[in-house]
Amino acid sequence: MALKRLKRAAVVTAVAALGVGASIAAPLSASAATQTSGFISYSNGGAYFEAQVDNDPGNGAAAWLWQADYTQNDSFAAVTHVYYKDGSYASWGPTWNGTGTASLPKDVARFQVCKWAGTVNYGCSAWKYL
C-alpha cells in the first residue's frame, strides 16, 4: 500500500512540474515571436546616439529606421548597421546633430548604432535582435 501511494505521489509531482514548466516557457516564446520593433542607445566619449527599428511600421514599407545624434557640434554622427532577415547587410546614415529616418526595403533581423566621424568608426552599441 505504501508503494502504491509513493508511485501516485511521484506521478502527481511529475505532472505538476510539467505544468509549471509549460506555463513558464509559453510566455517567453510567445513574447519573443511577437517582437517587431527594438530600441538601442549608445554613449561613447560624451557623445550619445539612439536607433529604433520597426518591422511593422504600417506605412507600406517593410521596415522603418529612426536614428539620432544628440550631442551637437562635436563632428561625430550616428550610423546604423542593419542585417536583414535574408542575411544581407546595409549601413544607414550618417545623421549629425539631430534625427533621421528611413523606410527600409526588408525586415530587419538585428541592428546596432555607431559613432562615426568621416570614414572612421569609433565604436558601436551591442546588437539588438528582432
Protein backbone atom coordinates (compact mmCIF):
# COMPACT_ATOMS: atom_id res chain seq x y z
CA MET A 1 0.00 0.00 0.00
CA ALA A 2 2.83 2.41 0.85
CA LEU A 3 4.49 1.68 -2.51
CA LYS A 4 1.24 2.48 -4.37
CA ARG A 5 0.95 5.84 -2.55
CA LEU A 6 4.60 6.61 -3.34
CA LYS A 7 4.06 5.90 -7.07
CA ARG A 8 0.92 8.07 -7.11
CA ALA A 9 2.77 10.93 -5.36
CA ALA A 10 5.60 10.67 -7.91
CA VAL A 11 3.14 10.89 -10.84
CA VAL A 12 1.33 13.88 -9.31
CA THR A 13 4.66 15.64 -8.69
CA ALA A 14 5.86 14.97 -12.25
CA VAL A 15 2.60 16.27 -13.78
CA ALA A 16 2.69 19.37 -11.57
CA ALA A 17 6.30 20.06 -12.53
CA LEU A 18 5.47 19.65 -16.22
CA GLY A 19 2.55 22.08 -15.88
CA VAL A 20 4.73 24.71 -14.17
CA GLY A 21 7.44 24.37 -16.82
CA ALA A 22 4.94 24.74 -19.64
CA SER A 23 3.40 27.87 -18.13
CA ILE A 24 6.83 29.48 -17.74
CA ALA A 25 8.07 28.58 -21.24
CA ALA A 26 4.95 29.63 -23.14
CA PRO A 27 5.03 33.36 -22.33
CA LEU A 28 8.75 33.65 -23.10
CA SER A 29 8.45 32.09 -26.54
CA ALA A 30 5.26 33.99 -27.33
CA SER A 31 6.78 37.37 -26.49
CA ALA A 32 9.94 36.67 -28.49
CA ALA A 33 7.88 35.68 -31.52
CA THR A 34 5.78 38.86 -31.43
CA GLN A 35 8.62 41.40 -31.07
CA THR A 36 8.57 43.51 -34.23
CA SER A 37 10.47 46.57 -33.01
CA GLY A 38 13.53 47.40 -30.96
CA PHE A 39 15.37 50.38 -29.47
CA ILE A 40 19.06 50.85 -28.57
CA SER A 41 21.23 53.65 -27.25
CA TYR A 42 24.99 54.12 -27.24
CA SER A 43 27.21 56.55 -25.37
CA ASN A 44 30.91 56.98 -26.09
CA GLY A 45 33.28 59.75 -25.09
CA GLY A 46 30.49 62.19 -24.26
CA ALA A 47 28.58 61.52 -27.50
CA TYR A 48 25.11 59.96 -27.28
CA PHE A 49 23.25 58.08 -30.04
CA GLU A 50 19.97 56.18 -30.37
CA ALA A 51 18.34 53.98 -33.01
CA GLN A 52 14.98 52.29 -33.36
CA VAL A 53 13.73 49.77 -35.94
CA ASP A 54 10.15 48.69 -36.57
CA ASN A 55 9.42 45.69 -38.83
CA ASP A 56 5.71 46.52 -38.93
CA PRO A 57 5.54 50.31 -39.37
CA GLY A 58 2.11 50.49 -41.02
CA ASN A 59 3.31 52.94 -43.68
CA GLY A 60 3.72 50.44 -46.54
CA ALA A 61 7.45 49.93 -46.01
CA ALA A 62 8.82 46.55 -44.98
CA ALA A 63 10.60 48.22 -42.03
CA TRP A 64 11.35 51.67 -40.66
CA LEU A 65 14.50 53.10 -39.06
CA TRP A 66 14.93 56.14 -36.84
CA GLN A 67 18.35 57.27 -35.58
CA ALA A 68 19.59 60.22 -33.54
CA ASP A 69 22.79 62.06 -32.70
CA TYR A 70 22.03 64.01 -29.52
CA THR A 71 25.46 65.57 -28.98
CA GLN A 72 25.56 68.79 -31.01
CA ASN A 73 28.55 70.21 -32.89
CA ASP A 74 31.09 67.54 -31.96
CA SER A 75 31.82 66.28 -35.54
CA PHE A 76 30.50 62.78 -34.69
CA ALA A 77 27.46 61.22 -36.34
CA ALA A 78 25.07 58.31 -35.84
CA VAL A 79 25.32 55.44 -38.33
CA THR A 80 23.14 52.35 -38.00
CA HIS A 81 24.28 48.91 -39.20
CA VAL A 82 21.42 46.63 -40.25
CA TYR A 83 21.33 42.91 -41.03
CA TYR A 84 18.14 41.91 -42.78
CA LYS A 85 16.35 38.61 -42.22
CA ASP A 86 17.62 37.36 -45.60
CA GLY A 87 21.23 37.78 -44.37
CA SER A 88 22.08 40.90 -46.38
CA TYR A 89 23.65 43.98 -44.78
CA ALA A 90 23.14 47.76 -45.06
CA SER A 91 24.53 50.83 -43.35
CA TRP A 92 22.27 53.87 -42.81
CA GLY A 93 23.46 57.39 -42.08
CA PRO A 94 25.28 59.45 -41.14
CA THR A 95 22.98 61.63 -39.08
CA TRP A 96 24.63 64.69 -37.48
CA ASN A 97 23.18 66.94 -34.77
CA GLY A 98 19.64 65.64 -34.79
CA THR A 99 17.49 62.79 -36.07
CA GLY A 100 16.93 60.96 -39.32
CA THR A 101 14.53 58.30 -40.61
CA ALA A 102 14.48 55.78 -43.45
CA SER A 103 11.99 53.33 -44.91
CA LEU A 104 13.82 50.03 -45.19
CA PRO A 105 13.23 47.58 -48.06
CA LYS A 106 13.24 44.37 -45.96
CA ASP A 107 12.53 43.11 -42.44
CA VAL A 108 15.44 43.57 -40.03
CA ALA A 109 16.96 40.69 -38.05
CA ARG A 110 19.42 42.78 -35.97
CA PHE A 111 20.84 46.30 -35.80
CA GLN A 112 23.30 48.49 -33.89
CA VAL A 113 24.00 52.23 -33.72
CA CYS A 114 27.57 53.50 -34.09
CA LYS A 115 29.66 56.63 -33.54
CA TRP A 116 31.27 57.85 -36.79
CA ALA A 117 33.40 60.75 -37.97
CA GLY A 118 34.22 60.85 -41.68
CA THR A 119 35.00 57.26 -42.62
CA VAL A 120 36.14 56.16 -39.15
CA ASN A 121 34.01 54.04 -36.82
CA TYR A 122 34.66 54.96 -33.16
CA GLY A 123 32.54 52.20 -31.65
CA CYS A 124 29.08 50.65 -31.70
CA SER A 125 26.33 49.52 -29.36
CA ALA A 126 25.62 45.85 -28.81
CA TRP A 127 23.42 44.21 -31.46
CA LYS A 128 19.66 44.40 -30.92
CA TYR A 129 17.89 41.30 -32.27
CA LEU A 130 14.30 41.33 -33.50
